[in-house]
Amino acid sequence: MREAPNYTNAALIMGLVNLLWIFGLVWSLWGLPVVLLLAAGLNALIDRAGRGA
């Protein structure tokens, strides 16, 4: 049996692409302060997940 392909880089790139268009949509609808708050919230969630909480 062969190893499964490693799709980590493709998944990370597509995640970045999706994050960028979502931030662009939010920016066009509600402005930059909302995007900054959303980014700070996502950063806090990622930090919390990284600590195992």
C-alpha atoms as a PDB file:
ATOM      1  CA  MET A   1       0.000   0.000   0.000  1.00  0.00           C
ATOM      2  CA  ARG A   2       1.338   3.441  -0.923  1.00  0.00           C
ATOM      3  CA  GLU A   3       1.420   6.448   1.361  1.00  0.00           C
ATOM      4  CA  ALA A   4      -1.338   9.016   1.109  1.00  0.00           C
ATOM      5  CA  PRO A   5      -0.354  12.268  -0.616  1.00  0.00           C
ATOM      6  CA  ASN A   6       0.558  15.195   1.599  1.00  0.00           C
ATOM      7  CA  TYR A   7      -1.944  17.976   0.940  1.00  0.00           C
ATOM      8  CA  THR A   8      -0.851  20.225   3.803  1.00  0.00           C
ATOM      9  CA  ASN A   9       0.559  23.014   1.610  1.00  0.00           C
ATOM     10  CA  ALA A  10      -2.467  23.004  -0.687  1.00  0.00           C
ATOM     11  CA  ALA A  11      -4.827  23.169   2.295  1.00  0.00           C
ATOM     12  CA  LEU A  12      -2.899  26.063   3.861  1.00  0.00           C
ATOM     13  CA  ILE A  13      -2.835  28.024   0.603  1.00  0.00           C
ATOM     14  CA  MET A  14      -6.562  27.515   0.022  1.00  0.00           C
ATOM     15  CA  GLY A  15      -7.224  28.542   3.626  1.00  0.00           C
ATOM     16  CA  LEU A  16      -5.304  31.762   3.009  1.00  0.00           C
ATOM     17  CA  VAL A  17      -7.220  32.413  -0.227  1.00  0.00           C
ATOM     18  CA  ASN A  18     -10.544  31.902   1.548  1.00  0.00           C
ATOM     19  CA  LEU A  19      -9.503  34.096   4.469  1.00  0.00           C
ATOM     20  CA  LEU A  20      -8.487  36.901   2.105  1.00  0.00           C
ATOM     21  CA  TRP A  21     -11.749  36.962   0.150  1.00  0.00           C
ATOM     22  CA  ILE A  22     -13.804  36.781   3.346  1.00  0.00           C
ATOM     23  CA  PHE A  23     -11.810  39.677   4.851  1.00  0.00           C
ATOM     24  CA  GLY A  24     -12.258  41.603   1.583  1.00  0.00           C
ATOM     25  CA  LEU A  25     -16.015  41.062   1.671  1.00  0.00           C
ATOM     26  CA  VAL A  26     -16.281  42.082   5.329  1.00  0.00           C
ATOM     27  CA  TRP A  27     -14.115  45.145   4.619  1.00  0.00           C
ATOM     28  CA  SER A  28     -16.332  46.232   1.737  1.00  0.00           C
ATOM     29  CA  LEU A  29     -19.524  45.767   3.761  1.00  0.00           C
ATOM     30  CA  TRP A  30     -18.575  47.047   7.217  1.00  0.00           C
ATOM     31  CA  GLY A  31     -15.133  48.650   6.992  1.00  0.00           C
ATOM     32  CA  LEU A  32     -11.604  48.072   8.179  1.00  0.00           C
ATOM     33  CA  PRO A  33     -12.259  48.273  11.956  1.00  0.00           C
ATOM     34  CA  VAL A  34     -14.560  45.243  11.750  1.00  0.00           C
ATOM     35  CA  VAL A  35     -11.917  43.308   9.797  1.00  0.00           C
ATOM     36  CA  LEU A  36      -9.315  44.175  12.427  1.00  0.00           C
ATOM     37  CA  LEU A  37     -11.619  43.013  15.219  1.00  0.00           C
ATOM     38  CA  LEU A  38     -12.375  39.799  13.336  1.00  0.00           C
ATOM     39  CA  ALA A  39      -8.654  39.187  12.771  1.00  0.00           C
ATOM     40  CA  ALA A  40      -7.905  39.779  16.460  1.00  0.00           C
ATOM     41  CA  GLY A  41     -10.682  37.381  17.434  1.00  0.00           C
ATOM     42  CA  LEU A  42      -9.395  34.696  15.070  1.00  0.00           C
ATOM     43  CA  ASN A  43      -5.881  35.170  16.426  1.00  0.00           C
ATOM     44  CA  ALA A  44      -7.135  34.732  19.983  1.00  0.00           C
ATOM     45  CA  LEU A  45      -8.994  31.543  19.010  1.00  0.00           C
ATOM     46  CA  ILE A  46      -5.932  30.124  17.269  1.00  0.00           C
ATOM     47  CA  ASP A  47      -3.730  30.947  20.266  1.00  0.00           C
ATOM     48  CA  ARG A  48      -6.239  29.310  22.598  1.00  0.00           C
ATOM     49  CA  ALA A  49      -6.418  26.190  20.407  1.00  0.00           C
ATOM     50  CA  GLY A  50      -2.615  26.056  20.332  1.00  0.00           C
ATOM     51  CA  ARG A  51      -2.479  25.972  24.121  1.00  0.00           C
ATOM     52  CA  GLY A  52      -4.884  23.030  24.172  1.00  0.00           C
ATOM     53  CA  ALA A  53      -7.719  24.855  25.901  1.00  0.00           C
END
